[in-house]
Protein backbone atom coordinates (compact mmCIF):
# COMPACT_ATOMS: atom_id res chain seq x y z
CA MET A 1 42.33 58.60 -134.98
CA LYS A 2 43.66 60.49 -131.99
CA PHE A 3 41.56 61.63 -129.07
CA PRO A 4 41.94 64.60 -126.73
CA ASP A 5 43.07 62.41 -123.81
CA GLY A 6 46.05 61.09 -125.80
CA SER A 7 44.62 57.69 -126.71
CA GLU A 8 44.40 56.70 -130.36
CA ILE A 9 43.31 54.00 -132.79
CA ILE A 10 46.15 52.45 -134.80
CA TYR A 11 46.19 49.81 -137.52
CA CYS A 12 49.39 47.96 -138.35
CA VAL A 13 50.65 44.65 -139.69
CA ARG A 14 53.48 42.80 -137.96
CA ALA A 15 55.75 40.03 -139.18
CA SER A 16 57.97 37.88 -136.98
CA VAL A 17 59.68 34.50 -136.90
CA ALA A 18 60.06 34.56 -133.11
CA PRO A 19 57.42 33.76 -130.47
CA TRP A 20 55.08 36.65 -129.76
CA PHE A 21 56.39 37.13 -126.21
CA ASP A 22 59.87 37.94 -127.53
CA ASN A 23 58.43 41.13 -129.09
CA ASN A 24 60.86 40.80 -131.98
CA TYR A 25 58.91 41.92 -135.02
CA VAL A 26 58.84 44.26 -138.01
CA GLU A 27 55.88 46.63 -138.08
CA LYS A 28 54.21 48.65 -140.82
CA LYS A 29 51.34 51.03 -140.08
CA PHE A 30 48.53 51.67 -142.51
CA GLU A 31 45.44 53.89 -142.54
CA VAL A 32 41.83 52.84 -142.44
CA ARG A 33 39.17 55.30 -143.56
CA ARG A 34 35.44 54.93 -143.13
CA SER A 35 33.10 55.87 -145.95
CA LEU A 36 29.36 56.40 -145.77
CA ILE A 37 27.07 56.45 -148.77
CA LEU A 38 23.49 56.14 -147.59
CA LYS A 39 21.10 53.60 -149.01
CA MET A 40 18.26 55.26 -150.86
CA PRO A 41 15.49 56.21 -150.43
CA HIS A 42 16.49 57.40 -146.98
CA GLU A 43 14.57 59.24 -144.32
CA ALA A 44 17.36 61.84 -144.14
CA SER A 45 16.57 63.13 -147.65
CA TYR A 46 13.24 64.56 -146.48
CA ALA A 47 12.77 67.94 -144.85
CA ILE A 48 11.87 68.12 -141.18
CA GLU A 49 9.72 70.78 -139.51
CA HIS A 50 9.57 71.00 -135.77
CA MET A 51 6.53 72.72 -134.28
CA VAL A 52 7.71 74.70 -131.25
CA ASN A 53 5.39 75.17 -128.30
CA LYS A 54 7.70 75.58 -125.34
CA CYS A 55 7.17 77.12 -121.93
CA VAL A 56 10.32 78.85 -120.67
CA GLU A 57 11.03 78.81 -116.93
CA HIS A 58 7.56 79.32 -115.57
CA GLY A 59 8.99 78.42 -112.17
CA SER A 60 6.14 76.31 -110.78
CA ILE A 61 3.50 73.82 -111.72
CA LEU A 62 1.26 76.76 -112.60
CA HIS A 63 1.78 78.73 -115.78
CA LYS A 64 1.13 82.20 -114.34
CA LYS A 65 4.68 83.41 -115.09
CA CYS A 66 5.19 81.31 -118.20
CA ASP A 67 6.96 82.89 -121.17
CA PRO A 68 6.04 80.70 -124.14
CA ILE A 69 7.86 80.37 -127.45
CA ASN A 70 5.74 79.35 -130.41
CA GLY A 71 6.46 78.75 -134.07
CA HIS A 72 8.44 76.21 -136.07
CA ILE A 73 12.05 75.29 -136.94
CA SER A 74 12.85 73.53 -140.22
CA LEU A 75 15.75 71.87 -142.04
CA GLU A 76 15.71 71.03 -145.75
CA LYS A 77 17.16 67.59 -145.01
CA THR A 78 19.27 65.88 -142.35
CA ALA A 79 22.10 64.34 -144.39
CA PHE A 80 25.08 66.44 -145.54
CA CYS A 81 28.59 66.01 -146.91
CA HIS A 82 31.82 67.98 -146.43
CA GLY A 83 31.68 71.53 -147.81
CA GLU A 84 27.88 71.52 -148.03
CA ASP A 85 25.73 74.27 -146.50
CA ILE A 86 23.33 73.39 -143.70
CA HIS A 87 20.35 75.74 -143.80
CA VAL A 88 18.36 76.17 -140.61
CA ARG A 89 15.17 78.28 -140.80
CA TRP A 90 12.73 79.33 -138.13
CA GLU A 91 9.67 81.43 -137.44
CA LEU A 92 9.37 82.02 -133.71
CA LYS A 93 7.59 84.50 -131.51
CA THR A 94 7.45 85.12 -127.80
CA GLU A 95 4.76 86.62 -125.63
CA LYS A 96 6.84 88.64 -123.13
CA SER A 97 10.60 88.33 -123.58
CA VAL A 98 12.65 89.79 -126.38
CA ILE A 99 14.98 87.49 -128.33
CA GLU A 100 18.50 88.88 -128.35
CA HIS A 101 20.10 86.53 -130.87
CA PHE A 102 20.16 83.04 -132.35
CA THR A 103 23.25 80.82 -132.31
CA CYS A 104 23.53 77.79 -134.55
CA LYS A 105 26.25 75.20 -133.87
CA LEU A 106 27.46 71.98 -135.46
CA ALA A 107 28.18 69.56 -132.58
CA GLN A 108 30.25 66.39 -132.80
CA LEU A 109 30.14 63.65 -130.17
CA ILE A 110 32.78 60.87 -130.12
CA GLU A 111 32.30 57.85 -127.87
CA VAL A 112 35.15 55.38 -127.31
CA ARG A 113 34.43 52.13 -125.52
CA GLU A 114 36.44 51.39 -122.39
CA SER A 115 37.55 48.08 -120.96
CA ASP A 116 35.23 47.52 -118.02
CA PRO A 117 34.19 44.04 -116.80
CA SER A 118 31.15 45.46 -115.00
CA ASN A 119 29.80 47.41 -118.00
CA TYR A 120 30.15 45.95 -121.49
CA LEU A 121 29.36 49.27 -123.19
CA ALA A 122 31.13 51.74 -120.92
CA THR A 123 32.40 54.68 -122.98
CA ARG A 124 34.42 57.86 -122.74
CA ARG A 125 32.84 60.88 -124.42
CA PHE A 126 34.50 63.76 -126.27
CA PHE A 127 32.16 66.61 -127.20
CA SER A 128 33.09 69.57 -129.40
CA PHE A 129 31.53 72.31 -131.54
CA LEU A 130 33.02 72.34 -135.02
CA LYS A 131 31.19 75.38 -136.40
CA GLU A 132 29.23 78.27 -134.92
CA GLN A 133 27.19 81.10 -136.41
CA LYS A 134 25.16 83.90 -134.81
CA SER A 135 22.20 85.88 -136.11
CA THR A 136 20.21 88.74 -134.60
CA THR A 137 17.72 89.71 -137.29
CA ASN A 138 17.52 86.99 -139.91
CA SER A 139 15.16 84.04 -139.73
CA SER A 140 17.77 81.56 -141.00
CA ILE A 141 21.41 80.58 -140.57
CA SER A 142 23.75 78.64 -142.84
CA LEU A 143 26.67 76.53 -141.65
CA VAL A 144 29.31 74.92 -143.87
CA VAL A 145 30.38 71.40 -142.91
CA PRO A 146 34.16 71.72 -142.32
CA SER A 147 36.63 69.29 -143.84
CA GLU A 148 37.91 68.19 -140.42
CA CYS A 149 34.45 66.93 -139.50
CA LEU A 150 34.31 63.14 -139.21
CA ILE A 151 31.66 61.15 -140.98
CA SER A 152 28.88 59.76 -138.83
CA ILE A 153 29.73 56.35 -137.38
CA PRO A 154 26.78 55.00 -135.42
CA MET A 155 28.33 51.52 -135.19
CA SER A 156 31.73 49.89 -135.42
CA LEU A 157 33.34 46.53 -134.85
CA TRP A 158 33.13 45.57 -131.16
CA ASN A 159 31.45 48.96 -130.45
CA VAL A 160 34.90 50.54 -130.31
CA LEU A 161 33.84 53.90 -131.76
CA VAL A 162 30.68 55.96 -132.22
CA VAL A 163 30.55 59.37 -133.92
CA LYS A 164 27.34 61.41 -133.89
CA HIS A 165 26.44 64.91 -135.08
CA HIS A 166 23.77 67.40 -134.10
CA ILE A 167 22.59 70.82 -135.15
CA VAL A 168 22.13 72.89 -132.00
CA LEU A 169 20.01 76.04 -132.15
CA GLU A 170 20.33 78.27 -129.10
CA ILE A 171 17.89 81.14 -128.48
CA LYS A 172 19.16 83.84 -126.11
CA MET A 173 16.37 85.81 -124.48
CA GLN A 174 16.63 88.99 -122.50
CA LYS A 175 16.72 88.73 -118.70
CA ARG A 176 17.48 85.02 -118.89
CA LYS A 177 20.96 83.63 -118.31
CA GLN A 178 20.49 80.27 -119.96
CA PRO A 179 19.48 80.04 -123.62
CA VAL A 180 16.67 77.87 -124.91
CA VAL A 181 18.24 74.94 -126.75
CA PHE A 182 16.89 72.77 -129.58
CA LYS A 183 18.89 69.78 -130.88
CA TYR A 184 18.41 67.93 -134.17
CA PRO A 185 20.46 64.83 -135.14
CA ILE A 186 22.01 64.92 -138.61
CA ILE A 187 24.17 62.60 -140.71
CA ILE A 188 27.55 63.50 -142.20
CA CYS A 189 28.30 61.27 -145.19
CA ASN A 190 30.70 61.19 -148.15
CA GLU A 191 28.30 61.97 -151.00
CA GLU A 192 25.73 64.71 -151.30
CA VAL A 193 22.17 63.58 -150.67
CA ALA A 194 19.51 65.19 -152.84
CA LYS A 195 16.54 66.60 -150.98
CA HIS A 196 13.12 65.18 -151.77
CA LYS A 197 9.57 65.98 -150.90
CA ARG A 198 7.92 63.54 -148.61
CA PRO A 199 5.38 61.49 -150.61
CA ARG A 200 1.76 61.61 -149.64
CA GLU A 201 1.49 57.87 -149.49
CA PRO A 202 3.87 56.14 -147.03
CA VAL A 203 6.66 54.28 -148.77
CA PRO A 204 9.35 52.04 -147.25
CA VAL A 205 12.54 54.01 -146.62
CA PHE A 206 15.86 53.31 -144.88
CA LYS A 207 16.23 54.92 -141.47
CA ARG A 208 19.48 53.52 -140.12
CA VAL A 209 22.82 55.15 -140.88
CA GLN A 210 23.94 52.32 -143.12
CA ASP A 211 26.37 52.28 -146.02
CA VAL A 212 25.18 51.16 -149.43
CA ASP A 213 27.62 48.21 -149.32
CA ASP A 214 26.56 47.01 -145.88
CA ASP A 215 24.42 43.93 -145.57
CA SER A 216 21.97 44.12 -142.68
CA ASP A 217 22.36 40.43 -141.94
CA ASP A 218 26.14 40.82 -141.56
CA ASP A 219 25.98 43.87 -139.34
CA ASP A 220 26.91 42.68 -135.87
CA ASP A 221 26.35 45.97 -134.09
CA TYR A 222 23.12 47.33 -135.44
CA ASP A 223 21.40 46.83 -132.09
CA SER A 224 23.81 49.24 -130.36
CA GLU A 225 22.07 52.36 -131.55
CA ASP A 226 20.42 54.47 -128.89
CA GLU A 227 16.78 53.92 -128.23
CA GLU A 228 14.34 56.79 -128.16
CA GLU A 229 14.81 59.18 -125.28
CA ASP A 230 11.17 58.69 -124.31
CA PRO A 231 10.34 55.13 -125.33
CA PRO A 232 6.66 54.36 -125.77
CA ARG A 233 4.92 52.99 -122.76
CA ARG A 234 4.00 49.36 -122.99
CA ASP A 235 1.30 47.52 -121.11
CA TYR A 236 3.26 44.28 -121.27
CA SER A 237 6.70 42.95 -120.31
CA VAL A 238 9.07 40.20 -121.40
CA ASP A 239 10.86 38.17 -118.70
CA ILE A 240 13.79 35.94 -119.67
CA GLU A 241 13.61 32.77 -117.58
CA LYS A 242 16.43 30.55 -118.82
CA LEU A 243 19.47 30.31 -121.10
CA SER A 244 20.83 26.97 -122.29
CA VAL A 245 23.47 25.91 -124.80
CA THR A 246 22.13 23.18 -127.09
CA ASN A 247 23.13 21.18 -130.17
CA VAL A 248 26.60 20.50 -128.81
CA THR A 249 27.85 17.57 -130.90
CA GLU A 250 29.77 14.58 -129.61
CA SER A 251 32.61 15.33 -131.98
CA GLU A 252 35.73 15.95 -129.91
CA GLN A 253 37.29 17.97 -132.71
CA ARG A 254 34.46 20.48 -133.37
CA PRO A 255 31.88 20.14 -130.60
CA LEU A 256 30.49 23.69 -130.92
CA GLU A 257 30.20 23.87 -134.70
CA ARG A 258 26.39 23.72 -134.63
CA ALA A 259 25.86 25.01 -131.10
CA ASP A 260 23.11 27.49 -130.38
CA VAL A 261 21.59 29.18 -127.36
CA GLY A 262 18.02 28.50 -126.37
CA VAL A 263 16.27 31.46 -124.72
CA THR A 264 13.13 30.75 -122.70
CA PHE A 265 11.06 33.85 -122.00
CA ILE A 266 7.57 34.68 -120.77
CA MET A 267 5.30 37.24 -122.43
CA ASN A 268 3.41 39.00 -119.65
CA SER A 269 0.42 40.57 -121.37
CA ALA A 270 -3.33 40.32 -121.65
CA GLN A 271 -3.28 40.30 -125.45
CA PRO A 272 -0.86 38.93 -128.08
CA GLN A 273 2.07 41.32 -128.49
CA GLU A 274 5.08 41.76 -130.77
CA LEU A 275 8.60 40.85 -129.66
CA ARG A 276 11.00 43.79 -129.70
CA SER A 277 14.74 43.64 -129.15
CA LEU A 278 15.56 40.32 -127.56
CA ARG A 279 19.33 40.77 -127.33
CA LEU A 280 22.16 38.26 -126.89
CA LEU A 281 25.79 39.06 -126.08
CA LEU A 282 28.59 36.45 -126.13
CA THR A 283 31.99 37.49 -124.77
CA GLY A 284 35.32 35.75 -124.34
CA GLU A 285 37.10 37.30 -121.36
CA VAL A 286 40.58 37.12 -119.85
CA ARG A 287 41.47 38.10 -116.30
CA VAL A 288 45.22 38.46 -115.81
CA GLY A 289 46.02 39.67 -112.33
CA GLY A 290 44.22 42.99 -112.13
CA LEU A 291 43.76 43.31 -115.90
CA TRP A 292 40.60 42.38 -117.82
CA TYR A 293 40.13 42.32 -121.59
CA GLU A 294 37.98 40.71 -124.27
CA PHE A 295 39.18 38.55 -127.14
CA LEU A 296 35.77 37.52 -128.50
CA ARG A 297 32.56 39.51 -128.87
CA PHE A 298 29.40 38.44 -130.69
CA LYS A 299 26.02 40.14 -130.61
CA ALA A 300 22.63 39.16 -131.96
CA ILE A 301 19.11 40.54 -131.77
CA ALA A 302 15.66 39.10 -132.41
CA ASN A 303 12.87 41.37 -133.63
CA LEU A 304 9.49 40.22 -134.88
CA SER A 305 7.40 42.40 -137.17
CA HIS A 306 4.12 43.88 -136.07
CA LYS A 307 2.38 41.21 -138.15
CA THR A 308 3.78 38.44 -135.93
CA LEU A 309 2.37 38.55 -132.42
CA LEU A 310 3.20 36.28 -129.51
CA SER A 311 0.48 35.04 -127.21
CA PRO A 312 0.79 35.46 -123.44
CA GLY A 313 2.84 32.72 -121.79
CA GLU A 314 6.13 30.92 -122.30
CA HIS A 315 8.05 31.00 -125.59
CA ASN A 316 11.43 29.80 -126.87
CA PHE A 317 13.90 31.35 -129.30
CA ARG A 318 17.23 30.05 -130.56
CA PHE A 319 20.33 32.05 -131.47
CA GLN A 320 22.99 30.40 -133.62
CA LEU A 321 26.48 30.79 -132.15
CA PRO A 322 29.29 31.92 -134.49
CA PHE A 323 31.58 28.90 -134.16
CA ALA A 324 30.77 27.57 -137.62
CA ASP A 325 32.65 30.58 -139.05
CA SER A 326 36.41 30.53 -139.50
CA GLN A 327 36.80 33.69 -137.40
CA TYR A 328 35.71 31.86 -134.26
CA ASP A 329 37.00 28.39 -135.12
CA THR A 330 37.22 26.32 -131.93
CA SER A 331 40.44 24.72 -133.16
CA ILE A 332 42.34 27.91 -132.23
CA LEU A 333 40.21 29.29 -129.39
CA PRO A 334 41.66 29.21 -125.87
CA PRO A 335 39.83 26.75 -123.58
CA THR A 336 37.86 27.71 -120.52
CA LEU A 337 40.21 28.10 -117.52
CA GLY A 338 38.24 28.91 -114.38
CA ASP A 339 38.14 32.64 -113.71
CA GLU A 340 41.16 33.38 -115.92
CA ILE A 341 39.52 32.55 -119.27
CA ARG A 342 35.79 32.20 -119.62
CA TYR A 343 33.00 32.58 -122.15
CA MET A 344 29.81 34.26 -120.95
CA ILE A 345 26.41 34.53 -122.62
CA HIS A 346 24.15 37.42 -121.58
CA ALA A 347 20.52 37.98 -122.52
CA SER A 348 18.43 41.12 -122.16
CA THR A 349 15.34 42.85 -123.49
CA GLU A 350 16.84 46.29 -122.84
CA SER A 351 19.38 48.31 -124.77
CA LEU A 352 22.89 47.02 -124.15
CA ARG A 353 23.90 50.53 -123.13
CA LYS A 354 21.73 50.16 -120.04
CA ASN A 355 23.88 47.19 -118.96
CA VAL A 356 20.88 45.29 -117.60
CA PHE A 357 20.95 41.53 -118.22
CA GLN A 358 18.17 39.30 -116.96
CA GLN A 359 20.00 36.00 -117.45
CA ARG A 360 23.60 34.81 -117.82
CA CYS A 361 25.19 31.45 -118.44
CA GLU A 362 28.71 30.20 -119.05
CA LEU A 363 29.79 28.49 -122.25
CA LEU A 364 32.40 25.78 -121.72
CA VAL A 365 34.96 25.67 -124.53
CA ASP A 366 37.53 22.90 -124.82
CA ARG A 367 40.57 22.74 -127.07
CA PHE A 368 41.32 19.92 -129.49
CA ILE A 369 45.03 19.26 -130.09
CA ASP A 370 46.65 16.50 -132.12
CA THR A 371 48.83 14.31 -129.92
CA TRP A 372 51.32 13.89 -132.77
CA ALA A 373 51.51 17.59 -133.65
CA LYS A 374 55.13 18.04 -132.50
CA GLU A 375 57.68 16.14 -134.56
CA ALA A 376 60.42 16.56 -131.95
CA TYR A 377 58.41 14.63 -129.35
CA LYS A 378 57.87 11.48 -131.43
CA PRO A 379 61.31 9.72 -131.21
CA PRO A 380 62.46 7.82 -128.09
CA TYR A 381 64.06 9.92 -125.37
CA THR A 382 66.80 8.90 -122.92
CA GLU A 383 68.61 10.74 -120.13
CA GLU A 384 71.60 9.26 -118.25
CA TYR A 385 72.88 10.56 -114.95
CA GLY A 386 75.46 8.61 -112.98
CA ALA A 387 74.46 4.99 -112.45
CA THR A 388 70.81 5.61 -113.44
CA ASN A 389 69.07 6.45 -116.65
CA ILE A 390 65.49 7.05 -117.69
CA HIS A 391 63.91 6.14 -121.01
CA LEU A 392 60.66 7.17 -122.77
CA SER A 393 59.56 5.51 -125.99
CA GLN A 394 57.90 8.85 -126.91
CA ARG A 395 57.11 12.15 -125.25
CA CYS A 396 53.62 12.75 -126.69
CA PHE A 397 50.71 11.43 -124.66
CA LYS A 398 46.94 11.54 -124.73
CA ARG A 399 45.19 13.18 -121.81
CA GLY A 400 43.27 10.63 -119.81
CA LYS A 401 45.96 7.99 -120.45
CA HIS A 402 49.42 7.54 -118.92
CA VAL A 403 52.96 8.91 -118.85
CA ILE A 404 55.31 5.90 -119.00
CA VAL A 405 58.95 6.25 -117.86
CA ALA A 406 61.40 3.32 -117.69
CA LEU A 407 64.02 3.52 -114.93
CA GLN A 408 67.23 1.52 -115.12
CA GLY A 409 69.99 1.07 -112.54
CA SER A 410 70.75 -0.91 -109.39
CA GLU A 411 70.84 1.93 -106.87
CA PRO A 412 67.40 3.68 -107.18
CA ARG A 413 65.14 3.08 -104.16
CA TYR A 414 62.32 5.63 -104.54
CA VAL A 415 60.88 7.61 -107.46
CA LYS A 416 58.66 10.68 -107.40
CA GLY A 417 56.96 11.83 -110.59
CA SER A 418 55.30 15.26 -110.96
CA LEU A 419 53.23 16.50 -113.89
CA VAL A 420 53.92 20.25 -114.05
CA GLN A 421 51.85 22.72 -116.07
CA LYS A 422 53.43 26.00 -117.17
CA LYS A 423 50.98 28.63 -118.33
CA ARG A 424 51.57 31.93 -120.11
CA LEU A 425 48.76 34.49 -120.51
CA ARG A 426 49.17 37.46 -122.82
CA VAL A 427 48.99 40.97 -121.40
CA PRO A 428 48.40 43.11 -124.52
CA ASN A 429 50.11 46.46 -124.96
CA VAL A 430 50.52 48.82 -127.89
CA LYS A 431 54.19 48.14 -128.54
CA LEU A 432 55.47 45.39 -126.25
CA ASP A 433 53.21 42.56 -125.12
CA GLU A 434 53.81 41.32 -121.61
CA SER A 435 53.27 37.88 -120.14
CA TYR A 436 51.64 36.61 -116.97
CA CYS A 437 53.34 33.29 -116.20
CA SER A 438 52.33 30.73 -113.62
CA GLN A 439 53.21 27.16 -112.77
CA ARG A 440 51.32 24.45 -110.92
CA THR A 441 51.78 20.79 -110.17
CA VAL A 442 48.87 18.87 -111.65
CA ARG A 443 49.59 15.50 -110.08
CA VAL A 444 52.28 13.73 -108.01
CA VAL A 445 52.98 9.98 -107.81
CA GLU A 446 55.52 8.51 -105.35
CA GLU A 447 56.47 4.84 -105.22
CA GLU A 448 59.16 2.52 -103.92
CA ILE A 449 61.37 0.77 -106.45
CA ARG A 450 61.50 -2.98 -105.80
CA ARG A 451 62.94 -4.15 -109.08
CA LYS A 452 66.02 -3.47 -111.17
CA ASN A 453 64.20 -2.31 -114.30
CA HIS A 454 61.28 -0.32 -112.97
CA ILE A 455 58.45 1.11 -115.09
CA HIS A 456 57.08 4.32 -113.58
CA VAL A 457 53.50 5.15 -114.65
CA MET A 458 51.35 8.22 -113.96
CA HIS A 459 47.73 8.65 -115.02
CA ILE A 460 47.12 11.97 -116.83
CA PRO A 461 43.87 13.65 -115.66
CA PHE A 462 41.29 13.96 -118.42
CA ASN A 463 39.99 17.36 -117.31
CA ILE A 464 43.22 19.32 -117.89
CA PRO A 465 43.72 21.44 -121.02
CA PRO A 466 46.10 20.02 -123.63
CA SER A 467 49.40 21.55 -124.68
CA ILE A 468 48.74 24.82 -126.54
CA GLU A 469 51.32 26.55 -128.71
CA ILE A 470 49.13 28.57 -131.12
CA CYS A 471 46.04 30.39 -129.89
CA TYR A 472 43.56 32.98 -131.12
CA TRP A 473 44.81 36.47 -130.18
CA ASN A 474 47.87 34.77 -128.57
CA VAL A 475 45.79 34.63 -125.41
CA LEU A 476 47.32 31.49 -123.95
CA GLN A 477 50.26 29.11 -124.10
CA ILE A 478 50.45 25.88 -122.08
CA ASP A 479 53.52 23.67 -121.73
CA TYR A 480 53.90 20.47 -119.73
CA HIS A 481 56.99 19.01 -118.06
CA TYR A 482 57.33 15.72 -116.31
CA ASP A 483 59.70 16.04 -113.36
CA VAL A 484 61.29 12.82 -112.08
CA GLU A 485 63.07 12.73 -108.71
CA ILE A 486 65.00 9.50 -108.07
CA THR A 487 66.26 8.71 -104.56
CA LEU A 488 69.30 6.44 -104.49
CA GLU A 489 70.61 4.04 -101.82
CA GLY A 490 72.84 6.64 -100.22
CA GLY A 491 69.91 9.09 -99.78
CA HIS A 492 70.90 11.60 -102.44
CA THR A 493 68.62 12.36 -105.40
CA HIS A 494 68.80 12.71 -109.16
CA ASN A 495 66.35 15.16 -110.77
CA HIS A 496 65.12 15.12 -114.37
CA SER A 497 62.75 17.58 -116.08
CA ILE A 498 61.36 16.19 -119.33
CA PRO A 499 59.29 18.36 -121.72
CA ILE A 500 56.23 16.42 -122.89
CA TRP A 501 53.28 17.09 -125.23
CA ILE A 502 49.72 16.29 -124.18
CA GLY A 503 47.09 16.02 -126.90
CA CYS A 504 43.62 14.65 -127.53
CA THR A 505 44.17 11.92 -130.13
CA GLU A 506 45.30 8.34 -129.52
CA ASP A 507 48.96 7.94 -128.50
CA ASN A 508 49.14 4.16 -129.19
CA LEU A 509 50.71 3.45 -125.81
CA LEU A 510 49.84 0.54 -123.50
CA VAL A 511 50.88 0.27 -119.86
CA PRO A 512 53.35 -2.64 -119.69
CA THR A 513 52.81 -5.36 -117.15
CA GLN A 514 55.82 -6.68 -115.23
CA PRO A 515 56.21 -9.18 -112.38
CA ASP A 516 56.83 -7.69 -108.98
CA GLU A 517 60.31 -8.75 -107.83
CA LEU A 518 59.70 -8.90 -104.09
CA LEU A 519 62.70 -9.10 -101.81
CA PRO A 520 62.91 -12.05 -99.30
CA GLU A 521 61.56 -11.27 -95.87
CA ASN A 522 64.00 -10.43 -93.03
CA SER A 523 66.82 -10.01 -95.49
CA LEU A 524 69.29 -7.17 -95.38
CA VAL A 525 71.04 -5.87 -98.42
CA VAL A 526 74.51 -4.65 -97.47
CA ASP A 527 77.65 -3.69 -99.27
CA GLU A 528 80.50 -6.17 -99.59
CA PRO A 529 82.69 -6.12 -96.39
CA TYR A 530 86.10 -4.57 -96.50
CA GLU A 531 89.11 -6.90 -96.31
CA GLU A 532 90.59 -4.66 -93.61
CA LEU A 533 88.57 -2.40 -91.38
CA PRO A 534 89.40 1.27 -91.89
CA GLU A 535 90.88 3.21 -89.04
CA PHE A 536 88.61 5.33 -86.93
CA GLU A 537 88.90 7.56 -83.92
CA VAL A 538 86.75 7.61 -80.80
CA VAL A 539 86.21 11.22 -79.74
CA HIS A 540 85.91 11.78 -75.95
CA SER A 541 83.54 14.50 -74.91
CA GLU A 542 81.85 15.71 -71.75
CA ASP A 543 78.67 13.85 -72.67
CA THR A 544 80.47 10.50 -72.98
CA HIS A 545 79.93 8.34 -69.85
CA GLU A 546 80.62 4.83 -71.15
CA HIS A 547 83.01 3.90 -73.88
CA PRO A 548 82.36 0.87 -76.03
CA TYR A 549 85.02 -1.78 -75.52
CA TRP A 550 84.56 -3.17 -79.00
CA VAL A 551 83.07 -1.62 -82.16
CA GLU A 552 82.78 -3.30 -85.49
CA ARG A 553 82.08 -1.26 -88.62
CA ILE A 554 79.81 -3.19 -91.00
CA ASN A 555 79.47 -0.48 -93.63
CA THR A 556 80.19 3.18 -93.96
CA ASP A 557 76.90 4.32 -92.41
CA THR A 558 75.91 1.82 -89.70
CA TYR A 559 77.57 0.96 -86.35
CA TYR A 560 76.77 -1.93 -84.04
CA GLN A 561 77.88 -2.34 -80.36
CA ASN A 562 78.48 -5.77 -78.79
């Protein structure tokens, strides 16, 4: 679908053997079409008759100059398909003014949800009239539903799109600039709906715009429909006091599989009342620089029938979170990362379109990664540089344990180890995805080398996320490097950057114990003396006042005067 502002909805499938950030893929677009066959019996198959008793521009709180319109407007039904005639009939009379003409229009409203962190149902609206017909004498008008008219879409996945239709009847009266307008919502569907007479006895009928194949229990967005323009006044209120995540298991691999949200609310009323529209919204959000987008969205609603009343006071209700389903499997979800990646739970008793939430809480999501997931990191690893070399028995480690590096050589004097985290966040685009990359040093350990074969050990913090290569929606990638800086006797350094893998399962490594080879006190380690002292030159300068009469060179860096 394309919209007047140039934006559009596209479906495609992509195949690639390269990482997603290389944007090297083959793409094939395909079309998705919505169908709507109403469940029967439906309220839209009955005729509606609107009794008109309207005062037109009386100009004050008194009705001295009122020009009333009385009568009725009727439609045979309110559900139509493409190519079908919409018959609108009326019998209206006025007391003073003369009606010039009637105009009947078929209106289409398209709402597209925008990305807005401050309003979870912010939308852009596109309004148009698809068909228009005028009448001056007749008491009815017929409109044909055009083929370009979209079907009614009151709900869609993630509230991306809403399509609504109305019949608008405008009455133009003499000596009045603005017409009198009456609007009636209708449904555009794929199959013709037969009109029926409303039974005398009330029978259960479907009222929502729901396809025959839709299951109400599986419909995630059925609570997004607009409430009544003038909701009934209530002499009670519902205040949400607390949100809490419960039933989090101790399993490190799937801790949120049975998690739910407990909602504590207070019914403020004098008499037992029914619970209407207790809504829950769970979102997974990413903030990348100045960009914000969602990668997870789950909605739920609690309604109790009029036969179930809640007494005044405090009550509790539990919502099951969707992590038991494969779509939101925690094994591929990105973990919580401060303000960059977070999961928020919102609760409200109002329509989500009002963007009023009484309580919020954060859901902490961790990531479980196998320590032995990367085959390339299992074998021993050695790097040699000059007279020194470093050795690792493996490069996969468990968080909360240790990185163990063996240093060999006679010249190293100091070693500095740094655990470096490299993070890549996805910035989604239509054609080419971009990346927001950052790097930080998680921990630094410096120590003096006082033995020939030194074992360098760093403790890995437990509260860091593990290495992540595959992630839901390609939201996040995390790599770790262990940088080793070795300072030798002469003062120069050797630098090594070793890719490592940090997981959550046991790495089978133990920190080796070794005796501390302390050097004797007051001892000086020097190079072997030269057989013949090298020649040197004493440079005279203006700042030289006394010249040494004898200088002995002990090594290449140190001078002593006797």
